[in-house]
Protein backbone atom coordinates (compact mmCIF):
# COMPACT_ATOMS: atom_id res chain seq x y z
CA MET A 1 -40.27 -14.24 -22.22
CA LYS A 2 -39.29 -10.43 -21.08
CA LEU A 3 -40.24 -10.06 -17.44
CA ASN A 4 -40.55 -6.68 -16.96
CA LEU A 5 -40.22 -5.40 -12.74
CA LYS A 6 -40.61 -1.11 -13.15
CA LYS A 7 -43.63 0.46 -13.18
CA ARG A 8 -43.01 3.67 -16.29
CA HIS A 9 -44.68 6.62 -14.68
CA GLU A 10 -42.28 9.06 -15.59
CA PRO A 11 -40.29 8.51 -19.15
CA PHE A 12 -36.82 7.28 -18.10
CA LYS A 13 -33.57 9.55 -19.36
CA PHE A 14 -31.17 7.15 -21.94
CA ILE A 15 -27.62 9.20 -21.07
CA GLN A 16 -24.69 8.81 -23.14
CA THR A 17 -21.82 11.42 -22.06
CA ASP A 18 -18.75 12.72 -23.41
CA TYR A 19 -15.92 12.34 -20.12
CA PHE A 20 -13.90 14.76 -22.06
CA LYS A 21 -16.30 17.56 -22.64
CA PRO A 22 -16.32 20.10 -19.34
CA PHE A 23 -19.57 20.69 -17.36
CA VAL A 24 -20.81 23.19 -14.93
CA HIS A 25 -23.02 22.01 -11.91
CA LEU A 26 -26.98 20.86 -12.73
CA PRO A 27 -29.05 24.28 -12.23
CA PHE A 28 -29.26 24.62 -8.25
CA THR A 29 -33.43 24.21 -6.93
CA ASN A 30 -35.51 25.17 -3.94
CA LYS A 31 -36.80 21.44 -3.91
CA SER A 32 -35.52 18.39 -4.50
CA VAL A 33 -35.58 17.27 -7.90
CA THR A 34 -36.75 13.44 -8.71
CA ARG A 35 -34.59 12.29 -11.90
CA TYR A 36 -34.97 9.35 -14.49
CA TYR A 37 -32.09 7.71 -15.73
CA GLN A 38 -31.97 4.75 -18.42
CA LEU A 39 -29.17 2.04 -17.94
CA THR A 40 -29.42 -0.15 -20.70
CA LEU A 41 -26.88 -3.07 -20.07
CA LYS A 42 -25.59 -4.72 -23.74
CA LYS A 43 -22.53 -6.83 -24.45
CA VAL A 44 -20.83 -4.85 -27.87
CA LYS A 45 -17.12 -5.07 -29.35
CA LEU A 46 -14.63 -2.06 -27.89
CA SER A 47 -11.24 -1.16 -28.48
CA PRO A 48 -10.20 1.03 -25.35
CA ASP A 49 -6.43 0.92 -26.00
CA GLY A 50 -6.67 -0.67 -29.61
CA PHE A 51 -7.42 -4.34 -29.21
CA GLU A 52 -10.53 -5.16 -29.71
CA ARG A 53 -12.70 -7.21 -27.11
CA THR A 54 -16.56 -7.90 -25.95
CA VAL A 55 -17.55 -5.08 -23.37
CA TRP A 56 -20.09 -5.28 -20.73
CA SER A 57 -21.26 -1.57 -21.60
CA VAL A 58 -24.10 0.72 -20.41
CA ASN A 59 -25.96 2.45 -22.77
CA GLY A 60 -23.41 0.99 -25.86
CA GLN A 61 -20.50 3.20 -24.06
CA TYR A 62 -17.60 2.62 -22.06
CA PRO A 63 -16.92 4.18 -19.29
CA ALA A 64 -20.95 3.55 -18.23
CA PRO A 65 -22.24 7.10 -18.52
CA ILE A 66 -21.78 10.10 -15.70
CA ILE A 67 -25.03 10.21 -13.63
CA ARG A 68 -25.51 13.40 -11.86
CA ALA A 69 -27.78 14.93 -9.16
CA ASN A 70 -28.06 17.51 -6.61
CA LYS A 71 -27.98 17.40 -2.82
CA GLY A 72 -31.35 16.23 -1.91
CA ASP A 73 -32.53 14.88 -5.23
CA ARG A 74 -34.11 11.71 -5.81
CA MET A 75 -32.93 9.39 -8.42
CA ILE A 76 -34.90 6.43 -10.04
CA ILE A 77 -32.62 4.55 -12.18
CA ASN A 78 -34.27 1.86 -14.54
CA VAL A 79 -31.24 -0.93 -15.08
CA GLU A 80 -32.34 -2.83 -18.22
CA ASN A 81 -30.60 -6.57 -18.45
CA ARG A 82 -29.54 -7.68 -21.53
CA PHE A 83 -25.90 -8.85 -20.68
CA GLY A 84 -27.36 -12.66 -21.53
CA ASP A 85 -25.96 -12.78 -17.60
CA PRO A 86 -27.35 -12.08 -14.41
CA ALA A 87 -26.51 -8.54 -13.18
CA ALA A 88 -26.57 -5.97 -10.24
CA VAL A 89 -25.67 -2.44 -9.87
CA HIS A 90 -23.94 -1.34 -6.85
CA TRP A 91 -23.70 2.71 -6.45
CA HIS A 92 -20.75 2.90 -4.49
CA GLY A 93 -20.45 5.51 -1.50
CA MET A 94 -24.33 6.48 -1.79
CA LEU A 95 -25.34 5.45 1.95
CA GLN A 96 -28.72 4.34 0.53
CA HIS A 97 -30.56 5.75 4.25
CA GLY A 98 -34.08 3.76 4.47
CA THR A 99 -33.22 1.94 0.75
CA ASN A 100 -30.68 -0.95 1.75
CA TRP A 101 -32.52 -3.19 -0.62
CA TYR A 102 -31.01 -0.77 -3.19
CA ASP A 103 -27.50 -1.34 -2.76
CA GLY A 104 -27.13 -3.19 -5.29
CA VAL A 105 -25.30 -6.40 -3.59
CA PRO A 106 -26.27 -10.10 -4.60
CA GLY A 107 -26.42 -12.29 -1.56
CA GLN A 108 -26.51 -9.60 0.72
CA THR A 109 -28.98 -6.69 -0.10
CA GLN A 110 -30.87 -8.22 -3.33
CA CYS A 111 -30.81 -11.23 -5.72
CA PRO A 112 -29.44 -10.88 -9.16
CA ILE A 113 -31.10 -9.07 -11.94
CA PRO A 114 -31.87 -11.87 -14.59
CA ASN A 115 -31.12 -11.08 -18.10
CA ASP A 116 -33.52 -9.59 -19.71
CA VAL A 117 -35.40 -8.25 -16.99
CA SER A 118 -35.43 -4.28 -15.95
CA PHE A 119 -35.21 -3.16 -12.54
CA ILE A 120 -35.64 0.27 -11.17
CA TYR A 121 -33.14 1.60 -8.02
CA ASN A 122 -35.29 4.23 -6.35
CA PHE A 123 -32.72 6.06 -3.62
CA THR A 124 -32.34 9.53 -2.34
CA THR A 125 -29.02 11.56 -2.22
CA GLY A 126 -30.38 12.82 0.85
CA ASP A 127 -27.10 15.25 2.60
CA GLN A 128 -24.68 13.43 0.28
CA HIS A 129 -22.19 15.40 -2.42
CA GLY A 130 -19.23 14.88 -3.81
CA THR A 131 -17.53 12.23 -6.10
CA PHE A 132 -19.09 8.94 -6.30
CA TRP A 133 -19.54 6.19 -8.45
CA TYR A 134 -21.48 2.57 -10.02
CA HIS A 135 -20.01 -0.41 -10.60
CA SER A 136 -21.87 -4.09 -10.81
CA HIS A 137 -21.26 -6.17 -7.86
CA PHE A 138 -22.38 -9.45 -9.64
CA MET A 139 -19.36 -12.02 -9.54
CA ALA A 140 -15.90 -9.71 -11.28
CA GLN A 141 -18.47 -8.11 -13.81
CA TYR A 142 -17.41 -4.29 -13.55
CA ALA A 143 -13.59 -5.34 -14.44
CA ASP A 144 -15.17 -6.54 -18.12
CA GLY A 145 -16.82 -3.28 -18.38
CA LEU A 146 -19.96 -2.05 -15.77
CA ARG A 147 -18.61 1.12 -14.22
CA GLY A 148 -18.90 4.54 -14.40
CA ALA A 149 -18.90 7.87 -12.60
CA LEU A 150 -21.93 9.01 -10.32
CA ILE A 151 -21.77 12.83 -9.23
CA VAL A 152 -23.66 14.68 -6.47
CA HIS A 153 -23.35 18.72 -7.42
CA ASP A 154 -23.68 20.67 -4.04
CA PRO A 155 -25.44 24.40 -4.04
CA ASP A 156 -23.36 24.77 -0.36
CA ASP A 157 -19.94 23.91 -1.66
CA PRO A 158 -17.78 26.10 -0.19
CA TYR A 159 -15.06 25.77 -3.32
CA LEU A 160 -17.58 26.32 -5.93
CA LYS A 161 -16.99 29.87 -6.87
CA GLU A 162 -13.02 28.45 -6.93
CA TYR A 163 -13.37 26.73 -10.34
CA ASP A 164 -15.27 27.33 -13.10
CA TYR A 165 -15.82 24.09 -15.13
CA GLU A 166 -15.67 20.33 -14.32
CA TYR A 167 -14.83 17.23 -15.78
CA VAL A 168 -14.12 13.88 -14.87
CA ILE A 169 -11.45 10.79 -15.03
CA THR A 170 -11.86 7.48 -14.38
CA LEU A 171 -8.63 5.34 -14.02
CA SER A 172 -9.08 1.62 -14.96
CA ASP A 173 -7.00 -1.60 -15.52
CA TRP A 174 -7.81 -3.24 -18.69
CA HIS A 175 -8.01 -6.84 -19.59
CA HIS A 176 -7.85 -8.43 -22.72
CA ARG A 177 -9.33 -11.70 -21.46
CA THR A 178 -13.06 -11.39 -20.45
CA THR A 179 -13.25 -12.34 -16.46
CA GLY A 180 -15.44 -15.42 -17.55
CA GLU A 181 -12.52 -16.58 -18.82
CA ILE A 182 -9.73 -15.62 -15.79
CA LEU A 183 -12.01 -16.40 -13.04
CA PRO A 184 -11.66 -20.28 -13.58
CA ASN A 185 -8.06 -20.53 -13.75
CA PHE A 186 -7.48 -17.85 -11.08
CA ILE A 187 -9.72 -19.74 -8.55
CA SER A 188 -8.51 -23.20 -9.45
CA PRO A 189 -6.91 -25.23 -6.66
CA THR A 190 -3.93 -25.95 -8.46
CA TYR A 191 -3.33 -21.97 -8.95
CA THR A 192 -0.50 -20.53 -7.80
CA GLY A 193 -0.08 -17.76 -9.11
CA ARG A 194 -0.66 -14.14 -8.61
CA ARG A 195 -3.21 -11.77 -9.03
CA PRO A 196 -3.60 -11.93 -12.69
CA VAL A 197 -1.49 -8.86 -14.68
CA PRO A 198 -3.72 -6.17 -16.76
CA ASP A 199 -2.73 -5.66 -20.67
CA SER A 200 -3.31 -1.70 -20.00
CA PRO A 201 -4.15 1.25 -18.39
CA LEU A 202 -6.72 3.32 -18.99
CA LEU A 203 -7.24 6.93 -18.62
CA SER A 204 -11.26 7.92 -18.69
CA GLY A 205 -11.64 4.32 -21.08
CA ARG A 206 -8.52 5.17 -23.19
CA GLY A 207 -5.25 3.74 -23.15
CA ARG A 208 -2.77 2.44 -26.07
CA TYR A 209 -1.76 -1.30 -26.23
CA ASN A 210 1.42 -2.14 -28.51
CA CYS A 211 -0.01 -4.46 -30.61
CA ASN A 212 2.95 -6.18 -31.67
CA GLY A 213 1.71 -8.28 -28.08
CA ALA A 214 -1.56 -8.93 -29.37
CA PRO A 215 -2.24 -12.65 -30.09
CA ASP A 216 -2.64 -14.00 -33.50
CA GLY A 217 -6.22 -13.73 -34.88
CA SER A 218 -7.08 -10.49 -33.03
CA LYS A 219 -8.23 -7.45 -34.26
CA CYS A 220 -5.36 -4.46 -32.61
CA LYS A 221 -5.03 -1.01 -33.92
CA PRO A 222 -1.58 0.44 -33.08
CA ASN A 223 -1.87 4.12 -31.49
CA ALA A 224 -5.05 4.22 -30.40
CA PRO A 225 -5.92 7.66 -29.27
CA LEU A 226 -5.41 9.23 -25.50
CA ALA A 227 -7.72 10.65 -23.43
CA VAL A 228 -7.25 14.12 -24.04
CA TYR A 229 -8.83 17.33 -21.86
CA ASN A 230 -9.50 20.92 -23.31
CA VAL A 231 -8.84 23.69 -20.85
CA LYS A 232 -8.34 27.89 -21.24
CA LYS A 233 -5.72 29.57 -20.25
CA ASN A 234 -6.13 31.17 -16.65
CA LYS A 235 -9.29 28.88 -16.21
CA LYS A 236 -9.61 26.72 -13.11
CA TYR A 237 -10.96 23.23 -13.67
CA ARG A 238 -12.17 20.71 -10.84
CA PHE A 239 -11.03 17.42 -11.82
CA ARG A 240 -13.52 14.62 -10.10
CA ILE A 241 -10.24 11.59 -10.23
CA ILE A 242 -11.94 8.00 -9.52
CA ASN A 243 -10.26 4.52 -9.21
CA SER A 244 -12.31 2.10 -10.90
CA ALA A 245 -9.93 -0.54 -11.38
CA ALA A 246 -10.34 -4.08 -10.38
CA ASP A 247 -6.85 -4.24 -8.86
CA ALA A 248 -4.31 -1.13 -9.50
CA PHE A 249 -3.08 1.10 -7.15
CA PHE A 250 -2.67 4.53 -9.45
CA ILE A 251 -0.55 7.24 -9.05
CA PHE A 252 -1.98 10.33 -10.52
CA SER A 253 -0.32 13.74 -11.75
CA ILE A 254 -0.84 16.22 -14.19
CA ASP A 255 2.74 17.53 -15.48
CA GLU A 256 3.99 20.90 -14.47
CA HIS A 257 0.54 21.71 -12.77
CA LYS A 258 0.13 21.43 -9.14
CA LEU A 259 -3.38 20.00 -7.38
CA LYS A 260 -5.09 21.87 -5.21
CA LEU A 261 -7.13 18.77 -3.25
CA ILE A 262 -10.73 19.93 -2.16
CA GLU A 263 -12.88 16.67 -1.53
CA SER A 264 -11.85 13.46 -0.47
CA GLU A 265 -14.91 10.77 -1.41
CA GLY A 266 -17.58 12.93 -0.33
CA ILE A 267 -16.05 14.60 2.58
CA TYR A 268 -14.80 18.72 2.58
CA ILE A 269 -11.31 18.92 3.27
CA LYS A 270 -9.16 21.41 4.46
CA PRO A 271 -7.49 23.04 1.04
CA THR A 272 -3.79 21.17 0.27
CA ILE A 273 -0.81 21.54 -2.82
CA ILE A 274 0.23 18.16 -3.78
CA GLU A 275 1.99 17.59 -7.41
CA LYS A 276 1.28 13.88 -7.18
CA LEU A 277 -1.80 11.82 -6.00
CA PRO A 278 -1.49 8.20 -5.05
CA ILE A 279 -5.01 6.48 -5.39
CA ASN A 280 -6.00 2.91 -4.47
CA VAL A 281 -8.76 1.04 -5.48
CA GLY A 282 -12.62 2.38 -5.23
CA GLN A 283 -11.04 5.72 -4.01
CA ARG A 284 -12.32 9.35 -5.12
CA TYR A 285 -10.61 12.85 -4.62
CA SER A 286 -11.29 16.13 -6.27
CA VAL A 287 -8.75 18.25 -7.17
CA ILE A 288 -8.48 22.21 -8.39
CA VAL A 289 -5.86 22.61 -11.79
CA ASN A 290 -5.53 26.21 -12.20
CA ALA A 291 -4.31 26.53 -16.14
CA ASP A 292 -1.86 28.95 -15.62
CA GLN A 293 0.87 27.79 -17.46
CA PRO A 294 2.78 28.41 -20.86
CA ILE A 295 -0.41 27.50 -23.87
CA GLY A 296 0.99 24.03 -24.87
CA LYS A 297 0.26 20.25 -24.33
CA TYR A 298 1.30 18.66 -21.07
CA TRP A 299 0.88 14.89 -20.23
CA ILE A 300 -1.32 14.00 -17.48
CA ARG A 301 -0.33 10.62 -16.06
CA ALA A 302 -2.20 7.84 -14.49
CA THR A 303 0.57 4.90 -13.87
CA ILE A 304 0.06 1.59 -12.39
CA ASP A 305 2.28 1.61 -9.52
CA LYS A 306 3.91 -1.73 -10.32
CA ARG A 307 5.96 -1.88 -6.94
CA CYS A 308 2.52 -2.78 -5.93
CA VAL A 309 2.28 -5.78 -8.03
CA LEU A 310 3.34 -8.91 -7.17
CA ILE A 311 4.18 -11.47 -9.72
CA ASN A 312 5.75 -14.56 -10.28
CA ASN A 313 5.89 -16.97 -13.75
CA ALA A 314 2.76 -18.63 -12.81
CA THR A 315 1.04 -15.37 -12.67
CA ILE A 316 -2.14 -15.05 -15.45
CA ASN A 317 -0.74 -12.84 -17.99
CA PHE A 318 3.16 -12.24 -16.62
CA ASN A 319 4.32 -11.89 -19.44
CA SER A 320 2.09 -8.98 -20.49
CA SER A 321 2.69 -6.63 -23.11
CA ILE A 322 1.35 -3.33 -20.74
CA ASP A 323 2.59 -0.03 -20.44
CA TRP A 324 2.15 0.51 -16.45
CA ASN A 325 2.72 3.85 -17.36
CA GLY A 326 -0.92 5.60 -18.61
CA LEU A 327 -0.98 8.68 -20.32
CA GLY A 328 -3.72 11.63 -21.17
CA ILE A 329 -3.21 15.23 -22.34
CA LEU A 330 -4.26 18.51 -20.74
CA LYS A 331 -4.34 20.83 -23.85
CA TYR A 332 -4.54 24.68 -23.89
CA GLU A 333 -7.03 26.00 -26.13
CA GLY A 334 -4.34 27.22 -29.10
CA SER A 335 -1.62 24.75 -28.22
CA LYS A 336 0.16 23.24 -31.20
CA ASN A 337 -0.66 20.17 -33.11
CA ASP A 338 2.55 18.31 -31.38
CA LYS A 339 3.30 15.87 -29.10
CA PRO A 340 3.79 17.64 -24.82
CA LYS A 341 7.35 18.23 -23.55
CA SER A 342 6.41 18.36 -20.15
CA LYS A 343 8.66 17.48 -17.07
CA GLU A 344 6.96 15.06 -14.56
CA PHE A 345 7.01 16.07 -10.83
CA VAL A 346 9.42 14.19 -9.14
CA GLU A 347 8.17 11.66 -6.40
CA ASN A 348 7.36 12.28 -2.24
CA PHE A 349 5.19 9.74 -0.64
CA LYS A 350 5.20 6.08 0.36
CA ILE A 351 4.82 3.78 -2.34
CA CYS A 352 1.53 1.66 -2.05
CA ARG A 353 -0.10 3.72 0.68
CA ASP A 354 -3.02 6.26 0.92
CA LEU A 355 -2.14 10.01 0.62
CA ASP A 356 -0.70 11.50 3.95
CA PRO A 357 -3.68 12.15 6.76
CA LYS A 358 -1.87 15.42 6.65
CA HIS A 359 -3.69 16.71 3.77
CA LEU A 360 -7.04 14.96 4.41
CA THR A 361 -8.13 17.04 7.75
CA SER A 362 -11.71 16.14 8.47
CA SER A 363 -13.60 15.51 11.47
CA THR A 364 -16.18 12.61 13.66
CA GLN A 365 -17.92 12.12 17.08
CA GLY A 366 -19.60 9.40 18.92
CA ASP A 367 -19.67 7.06 22.31
CA GLY A 368 -19.77 3.52 22.99
CA ILE A 369 -17.59 0.75 21.79
CA VAL A 370 -19.68 -2.93 19.89
CA LYS A 371 -17.40 -5.01 19.61
CA ALA A 372 -17.35 -7.84 16.74
CA VAL A 373 -14.61 -10.99 15.72
CA MET A 374 -14.65 -12.49 12.88
CA ASN A 375 -11.46 -14.83 11.68
CA ASN A 376 -10.25 -16.66 8.71
CA SER A 377 -13.45 -17.46 6.75
CA SER A 378 -14.06 -16.56 3.32
CA PHE A 379 -17.56 -14.99 2.42
CA ILE A 380 -19.96 -17.26 0.22
CA PRO A 381 -23.07 -15.56 -1.28
CA GLN A 382 -26.27 -16.69 -1.69
CA PHE A 383 -27.89 -15.16 -4.44
CA ASN A 384 -31.29 -16.54 -4.39
CA ASP A 385 -31.77 -15.71 -0.75
CA PRO A 386 -30.13 -12.39 0.29
CA THR A 387 -29.06 -11.88 3.89
CA ILE A 388 -31.49 -8.86 4.16
CA THR A 389 -34.29 -11.56 3.18
CA LYS A 390 -33.24 -13.72 5.86
CA ILE A 391 -33.53 -10.80 8.69
CA ILE A 392 -36.75 -9.88 7.55
CA ARG A 393 -38.25 -12.87 7.61
CA HIS A 394 -36.98 -12.74 11.59
CA ILE A 395 -34.38 -15.28 11.21
CA PRO A 396 -31.73 -14.49 14.42
CA PRO A 397 -28.72 -12.87 13.08
CA GLU A 398 -26.69 -14.97 15.01
CA GLU A 399 -28.37 -18.15 12.85
CA LEU A 400 -27.07 -17.04 9.66
CA PRO A 401 -24.61 -19.70 7.93
CA LYS A 402 -21.10 -18.89 9.07
CA GLU A 403 -19.80 -18.47 5.51
CA GLN A 404 -21.53 -15.04 5.63
CA ASN A 405 -19.35 -13.40 7.89
CA SER A 406 -21.86 -11.54 9.93
CA LEU A 407 -21.05 -8.65 12.11
CA ILE A 408 -23.77 -8.30 14.25
CA PHE A 409 -24.11 -4.88 16.38
CA ASP A 410 -27.90 -3.94 17.39
CA ASN A 411 -26.91 -0.45 19.83
CA LYS A 412 -28.54 2.08 17.77
CA ASN A 413 -25.98 5.35 17.58
CA GLY A 414 -23.47 3.74 19.45
CA ILE A 415 -19.99 3.62 17.88
CA VAL A 416 -18.32 0.65 16.02
CA GLU A 417 -14.91 -0.08 15.88
CA ILE A 418 -13.35 -2.61 13.46
CA ALA A 419 -9.45 -3.33 13.55
CA LEU A 420 -7.88 -5.21 11.07
CA TRP A 421 -5.04 -6.75 11.10
CA ASN A 422 -3.31 -8.19 7.16
CA ASN A 423 -0.96 -11.36 7.61
CA ASN A 424 0.23 -11.15 4.50
CA THR A 425 2.11 -8.82 2.09
CA ASP A 426 -0.49 -7.39 -0.36
CA GLU A 427 -2.50 -4.03 0.37
CA HIS A 428 -5.79 -4.09 0.72
CA PRO A 429 -7.84 -0.94 -0.11
CA PHE A 430 -10.71 -1.83 2.01
CA HIS A 431 -14.53 0.18 1.54
CA MET A 432 -17.50 -0.05 3.53
CA HIS A 433 -21.39 0.23 2.38
CA GLY A 434 -23.75 1.86 3.79
CA HIS A 435 -21.19 4.34 5.87
CA VAL A 436 -17.87 6.83 5.81
CA PHE A 437 -15.75 5.75 9.02
CA GLY A 438 -13.03 7.43 11.23
CA VAL A 439 -9.23 6.12 10.36
CA MET A 440 -8.54 5.85 14.04
CA PHE A 441 -5.32 4.03 13.69
CA VAL A 442 -3.25 2.83 10.07
CA GLY A 443 0.27 0.58 11.71
CA GLU A 444 2.56 -0.82 9.26
CA LYS A 445 4.13 -4.45 10.04
CA ASN A 446 4.77 -4.48 14.39
CA GLU A 447 3.54 -1.13 14.63
CA TYR A 448 0.30 -2.65 16.98
CA PRO A 449 -2.75 -0.05 17.35
CA ASP A 450 -2.08 1.75 20.72
CA GLU A 451 -5.17 3.52 21.42
CA LYS A 452 -3.07 6.58 22.77
CA LYS A 453 -2.01 6.54 19.00
CA TYR A 454 -5.16 6.74 17.57
CA ASN A 455 -6.31 9.92 15.94
CA LYS A 456 -9.66 10.70 18.25
CA LYS A 457 -9.22 14.65 17.25
CA ASN A 458 -9.54 15.14 13.99
CA PRO A 459 -9.68 11.59 12.05
CA VAL A 460 -9.70 11.16 8.21
CA ILE A 461 -13.35 10.45 7.46
CA ARG A 462 -13.95 8.39 4.12
CA ASP A 463 -15.26 4.85 2.68
CA ASN A 464 -12.03 3.44 1.10
CA VAL A 465 -8.68 2.82 3.16
CA THR A 466 -6.02 0.86 2.61
CA VAL A 467 -4.33 -1.74 5.03
CA PRO A 468 -0.60 -1.69 4.56
CA GLY A 469 0.75 -5.22 3.59
CA PHE A 470 1.46 -6.78 7.24
CA GLY A 471 0.15 -3.57 8.73
CA TYR A 472 -3.14 -2.83 11.07
CA LEU A 473 -6.21 -0.66 10.57
CA VAL A 474 -8.63 0.74 13.31
CA ILE A 475 -11.91 2.65 12.43
CA ARG A 476 -14.63 3.78 13.93
CA PHE A 477 -18.32 4.54 12.91
CA ILE A 478 -21.86 5.52 13.93
CA ALA A 479 -24.42 2.75 14.21
CA ASP A 480 -27.26 4.67 12.93
CA ASN A 481 -28.20 2.65 9.21
CA PRO A 482 -30.43 -0.37 9.83
CA GLY A 483 -29.30 -2.72 7.04
CA ILE A 484 -26.46 -5.51 5.62
CA TRP A 485 -23.52 -3.63 4.20
CA ALA A 486 -20.64 -5.46 2.91
CA PHE A 487 -17.00 -4.48 4.03
CA HIS A 488 -14.73 -5.52 1.61
CA CYS A 489 -11.02 -5.53 0.05
CA HIS A 490 -12.21 -4.06 -3.45
CA ILE A 491 -9.22 -5.69 -5.19
CA GLU A 492 -11.94 -7.65 -7.39
CA TRP A 493 -9.71 -10.74 -7.33
CA HIS A 494 -9.98 -10.52 -3.47
CA VAL A 495 -13.78 -10.44 -3.66
CA GLU A 496 -13.94 -13.45 -5.77
CA LEU A 497 -12.13 -15.32 -3.11
CA GLY A 498 -14.20 -14.40 -0.18
CA LEU A 499 -12.52 -11.49 1.65
CA VAL A 500 -16.06 -10.00 2.20
CA LEU A 501 -17.80 -9.09 5.47
CA GLN A 502 -21.39 -8.48 6.19
CA LEU A 503 -22.50 -6.16 8.92
CA VAL A 504 -25.89 -6.94 10.07
CA GLU A 505 -26.66 -3.14 11.74
CA LEU A 506 -29.40 -2.94 14.16
CA PRO A 507 -31.57 -5.99 13.10
CA SER A 508 -34.11 -5.31 15.57
CA ILE A 509 -34.80 -2.44 13.63
CA LEU A 510 -34.37 -4.11 10.13
CA MET A 511 -36.49 -6.83 10.91
CA ASN A 512 -39.34 -4.58 10.63
CA GLU A 513 -39.07 -3.22 7.27
CA THR A 514 -40.57 -4.34 3.89
CA ILE A 515 -39.13 -4.92 1.27
CA PRO A 516 -40.54 -3.16 -2.01
CA ASN A 517 -42.56 -5.99 -4.12
CA ASP A 518 -40.11 -4.89 -6.83
CA ALA A 519 -36.94 -6.01 -5.19
CA SER A 520 -38.63 -8.93 -3.57
CA SER A 521 -39.16 -9.94 -7.09
CA LEU A 522 -36.16 -10.30 -8.39
CA CYS A 523 -35.95 -13.49 -6.05
CA PHE A 524 -39.31 -15.05 -6.59
CA LYS A 525 -38.07 -14.89 -10.91
CA ASN A 526 -34.74 -15.26 -10.46
CA ASP A 527 -33.00 -18.29 -12.26
CA TYR A 528 -29.75 -18.39 -11.53
CA GLN A 529 -28.86 -20.81 -9.39
CA LYS A 530 -31.22 -22.94 -11.62
CA LYS A 531 -28.99 -22.55 -14.59
CA ARG A 532 -25.42 -21.47 -13.63
CA ASN A 533 -22.78 -23.88 -14.81
CA PRO A 534 -21.48 -26.19 -11.82
CA THR A 535 -18.00 -24.99 -13.01
CA THR A 536 -18.68 -21.15 -12.40
CA PRO A 537 -16.47 -19.63 -9.71
CA PHE A 538 -18.73 -19.85 -6.52
CA HIS A 539 -19.04 -23.82 -6.89
CA ASN A 540 -15.26 -23.60 -6.21
CA ARG A 541 -14.22 -22.52 -3.15
CA GLU A 542 -11.29 -25.04 -2.31
CA ARG A 543 -8.57 -22.29 -2.66
CA MET A 544 -9.99 -19.91 -0.75
CA PHE A 545 -8.22 -17.64 1.77
CA ASN A 546 -8.59 -14.49 4.05
CA PRO A 547 -5.41 -12.56 4.59
CA VAL A 548 -7.11 -10.13 7.06
CA ILE A 549 -8.78 -10.85 10.54
CA ILE A 550 -11.30 -9.03 12.35
CA ASN A 551 -10.24 -9.01 15.91
CA GLU A 552 -12.08 -8.59 19.08
CA ILE A 553 -11.57 -5.05 20.43
CA ARG A 554 -9.96 -5.49 23.69
CA ARG A 555 -9.47 -3.00 26.44
CA ASP A 556 -5.65 -3.71 26.18
CA ILE A 557 -5.00 -3.61 22.28
CA ASN A 558 -1.79 -3.97 22.11
CA LYS A 559 -2.11 -7.77 22.49
CA ILE A 560 -3.84 -8.05 19.28
CA ARG A 561 -1.35 -9.79 16.92
């Protein structure tokens, strides 16, 4: 029987988009527009890098279709789950003011969408604009294909007249084995390897695998097509670049074309010129590229930085045939049908670190500090009873299970300051739901947080930031969005190991909200807990670790180690 939780008042638009076709902004209107989209989740056979495998697709394509809206628009998105597995969709970077239950995080803001069920996400873009993306937040499902771009155009874009067309580029790492095959081994208490090694880097869903490394009996076509972006001489293009990987730290560049950086994660920044762009998991940037070079073809480089990858002989797929140097082509109209002969820019940045803050000028404000402590606890979600339902049932936040890793603050419009200490060699791209934050301090090993060193005048504002190996991070944000908001490392393998916190923000306000019936009905109808195999990952938590410690904010912050 098919359970239908949606109400069809308007036709939902089934979209399939071409990532290699340039576009311009949507028509701007005096009033906000309600946009209806249909996303059908279905497993299909695809070969993004030439190797055929089952892909958890959206509307039959990978990457998932580009969803677009304007600032102030409402998006009503019908997600029809035909995966055969539970699912949920998170709208990465959307703040969800007043719609916490549509943030798409099973165990925190909703129950999973069961198979053969449709669920409507209904939220507004508000004052937001910029480059976002959407992806599954159920287990490691997005690494199998459920990930796509979400673009919010802005009629007040200060750079609108500086470019003629737009493109979206997604960067992702690709595995030939499904996460259902990888995870049981990865989380096993006997596993001594590092994070799984991918088989290919993909640039907007295209890559090229060396089929000589394909196992017997598999289907693999050599020389798979590369990503090609067509440009016209002397036109300017806004490239919206999204790292939608499960793990990979990418270095992006276009040979002989400098990048004019104008946006970081929905925040306009003072334009600055760079040659290479380091971009960690979950991060997004917009750059303007001037097609002012001689007509021809130029390599687009999307390189997984191998220097950020730790491998030993016990690591899953340690002997991968991967070519770490992902390639695409910038093709001028009128160019010859030959390979690019372009020259790569020289590297001039610190490896495995975010782009230098001098390129990301922005501002923040606020007052009052809220203290929070969380030490060495792995997050374990309760899919059939998410945290938001507990709070609305008036369960005191202090009584939430310890493994829920809750940071509780109830001081409206106060400033929350969180300091993280990373006590291992991995760098961690931390993402916060429901907020952007000011990056007050990023420190390397033995470079301890000191309030005298905080950037209070002009901190970088974003929602995704890298904590260096053995390093420190201090962020601040305003407590103005009641809800349950995830704060987690965006390396998906670390999420599966529990490297997740939940911010229980303004619970005294949240407990008086009413969850829409369609959202609460998911929990009553969801039988995932009863049907799942007892060997699935969340039953196997012996090998948990939490390399990041949330420290109490002290007056003498130098004491933090």
